């Protein structure tokens, strides 16, 4: 799981660093051009940053929660699960 996230983050960084845009993506086309990934994060609205962070936090909580895993018939990977 963490390897896929790392690859996705790296690909996202490379795409933004090289200013690659897809013409059908209206959100990407609305972002300012010529910014580094760090500058692009800085110009992202605060509410959007919190939305990204809280969505990831919720997904992590959901997949790591022992109660949820037990209801699905699984165990946490640190306690002998997959």
C-alpha atoms as a PDB file:
ATOM      1  CA  UNK A   1       0.000   0.000   0.000  1.00  0.00           C
ATOM      2  CA  UNK A   2       2.696   2.489   0.963  1.00  0.00           C
ATOM      3  CA  UNK A   3       4.704   1.743  -2.169  1.00  0.00           C
ATOM      4  CA  UNK A   4       1.741   2.629  -4.395  1.00  0.00           C
ATOM      5  CA  UNK A   5       1.218   5.877  -2.486  1.00  0.00           C
ATOM      6  CA  UNK A   6       4.900   6.739  -2.861  1.00  0.00           C
ATOM      7  CA  UNK A   7       4.785   6.062  -6.611  1.00  0.00           C
ATOM      8  CA  UNK A   8       1.615   8.152  -6.994  1.00  0.00           C
ATOM      9  CA  UNK A   9       3.216  11.013  -5.083  1.00  0.00           C
ATOM     10  CA  UNK A  10       6.369  10.830  -7.188  1.00  0.00           C
ATOM     11  CA  UNK A  11       4.424  10.763 -10.462  1.00  0.00           C
ATOM     12  CA  UNK A  12       2.301  13.696  -9.285  1.00  0.00           C
ATOM     13  CA  UNK A  13       5.421  15.651  -8.405  1.00  0.00           C
ATOM     14  CA  UNK A  14       6.998  14.958 -11.812  1.00  0.00           C
ATOM     15  CA  UNK A  15       3.785  15.906 -13.649  1.00  0.00           C
ATOM     16  CA  UNK A  16       3.569  19.243 -11.810  1.00  0.00           C
ATOM     17  CA  UNK A  17       7.313  19.937 -12.043  1.00  0.00           C
ATOM     18  CA  UNK A  18       7.171  19.525 -15.834  1.00  0.00           C
ATOM     19  CA  UNK A  19       3.912  21.506 -16.130  1.00  0.00           C
ATOM     20  CA  UNK A  20       2.124  18.609 -17.856  1.00  0.00           C
ATOM     21  CA  UNK A  21      -1.589  19.310 -18.323  1.00  0.00           C
ATOM     22  CA  UNK A  22      -4.436  17.427 -19.921  1.00  0.00           C
ATOM     23  CA  UNK A  23      -6.827  19.635 -21.928  1.00  0.00           C
ATOM     24  CA  UNK A  24      -9.984  17.921 -20.588  1.00  0.00           C
ATOM     25  CA  UNK A  25      -8.991  18.527 -16.934  1.00  0.00           C
ATOM     26  CA  UNK A  26     -10.584  21.881 -16.115  1.00  0.00           C
ATOM     27  CA  UNK A  27      -9.111  21.981 -12.593  1.00  0.00           C
ATOM     28  CA  UNK A  28      -5.539  21.538 -13.857  1.00  0.00           C
ATOM     29  CA  UNK A  29      -6.092  24.082 -16.626  1.00  0.00           C
ATOM     30  CA  UNK A  30      -7.292  26.626 -14.042  1.00  0.00           C
ATOM     31  CA  UNK A  31      -4.086  26.360 -11.977  1.00  0.00           C
ATOM     32  CA  UNK A  32      -1.401  28.964 -12.658  1.00  0.00           C
ATOM     33  CA  UNK A  33       1.327  27.905 -15.108  1.00  0.00           C
ATOM     34  CA  UNK A  34       5.050  27.998 -14.506  1.00  0.00           C
ATOM     35  CA  UNK A  35       4.942  27.185 -10.781  1.00  0.00           C
ATOM     36  CA  UNK A  36       7.000  24.545  -9.019  1.00  0.00           C
ATOM     37  CA  UNK A  37       5.063  21.857  -7.103  1.00  0.00           C
ATOM     38  CA  UNK A  38       5.919  23.638  -3.838  1.00  0.00           C
ATOM     39  CA  UNK A  39       4.647  26.988  -5.160  1.00  0.00           C
ATOM     40  CA  UNK A  40       1.513  25.281  -6.477  1.00  0.00           C
ATOM     41  CA  UNK A  41       0.833  23.891  -2.987  1.00  0.00           C
ATOM     42  CA  UNK A  42       1.348  27.375  -1.531  1.00  0.00           C
ATOM     43  CA  UNK A  43      -1.287  28.903  -3.849  1.00  0.00           C
ATOM     44  CA  UNK A  44      -3.783  26.102  -3.154  1.00  0.00           C
ATOM     45  CA  UNK A  45      -6.651  27.433  -0.990  1.00  0.00           C
ATOM     46  CA  UNK A  46      -6.477  26.484   2.689  1.00  0.00           C
ATOM     47  CA  UNK A  47      -9.858  24.712   2.524  1.00  0.00           C
ATOM     48  CA  UNK A  48      -8.624  22.504  -0.328  1.00  0.00           C
ATOM     49  CA  UNK A  49      -5.490  21.556   1.623  1.00  0.00           C
ATOM     50  CA  UNK A  50      -7.595  20.532   4.625  1.00  0.00           C
ATOM     51  CA  UNK A  51      -9.940  18.565   2.362  1.00  0.00           C
ATOM     52  CA  UNK A  52      -6.991  16.579   0.975  1.00  0.00           C
ATOM     53  CA  UNK A  53      -5.405  15.976   4.382  1.00  0.00           C
ATOM     54  CA  UNK A  54      -8.661  14.983   6.129  1.00  0.00           C
ATOM     55  CA  UNK A  55      -9.726  12.650   3.301  1.00  0.00           C
ATOM     56  CA  UNK A  56      -6.402  10.814   3.490  1.00  0.00           C
ATOM     57  CA  UNK A  57      -6.608  10.717   7.299  1.00  0.00           C
ATOM     58  CA  UNK A  58     -10.121   9.218   7.153  1.00  0.00           C
ATOM     59  CA  UNK A  59      -9.056   6.540   4.656  1.00  0.00           C
ATOM     60  CA  UNK A  60      -6.044   5.635   6.817  1.00  0.00           C
ATOM     61  CA  UNK A  61      -8.211   5.494   9.946  1.00  0.00           C
ATOM     62  CA  UNK A  62     -10.799   3.301   8.201  1.00  0.00           C
ATOM     63  CA  UNK A  63      -8.278   0.716   6.966  1.00  0.00           C
ATOM     64  CA  UNK A  64      -6.277   0.613  10.216  1.00  0.00           C
ATOM     65  CA  UNK A  65      -9.234   0.442  12.633  1.00  0.00           C
ATOM     66  CA  UNK A  66      -9.309  -2.878  14.513  1.00  0.00           C
ATOM     67  CA  UNK A  67     -13.095  -2.814  14.949  1.00  0.00           C
ATOM     68  CA  UNK A  68     -13.710  -2.322  11.215  1.00  0.00           C
ATOM     69  CA  UNK A  69     -11.179  -5.023  10.330  1.00  0.00           C
ATOM     70  CA  UNK A  70     -12.782  -7.511  12.748  1.00  0.00           C
ATOM     71  CA  UNK A  71     -16.228  -6.879  11.225  1.00  0.00           C
ATOM     72  CA  UNK A  72     -14.741  -7.647   7.804  1.00  0.00           C
ATOM     73  CA  UNK A  73     -13.212 -10.863   9.133  1.00  0.00           C
ATOM     74  CA  UNK A  74      -9.650  -9.571   8.917  1.00  0.00           C
ATOM     75  CA  UNK A  75      -6.851  -8.699  11.315  1.00  0.00           C
ATOM     76  CA  UNK A  76      -4.443  -5.788  11.345  1.00  0.00           C
ATOM     77  CA  UNK A  77      -1.315  -6.608   9.341  1.00  0.00           C
ATOM     78  CA  UNK A  78       0.835  -6.031  12.447  1.00  0.00           C
ATOM     79  CA  UNK A  79      -1.217  -8.659  14.337  1.00  0.00           C
ATOM     80  CA  UNK A  80      -1.015 -11.524  11.849  1.00  0.00           C
ATOM     81  CA  UNK A  81      -3.391 -10.259   9.141  1.00  0.00           C
ATOM     82  CA  UNK A  82      -2.722  -9.777   5.448  1.00  0.00           C
END
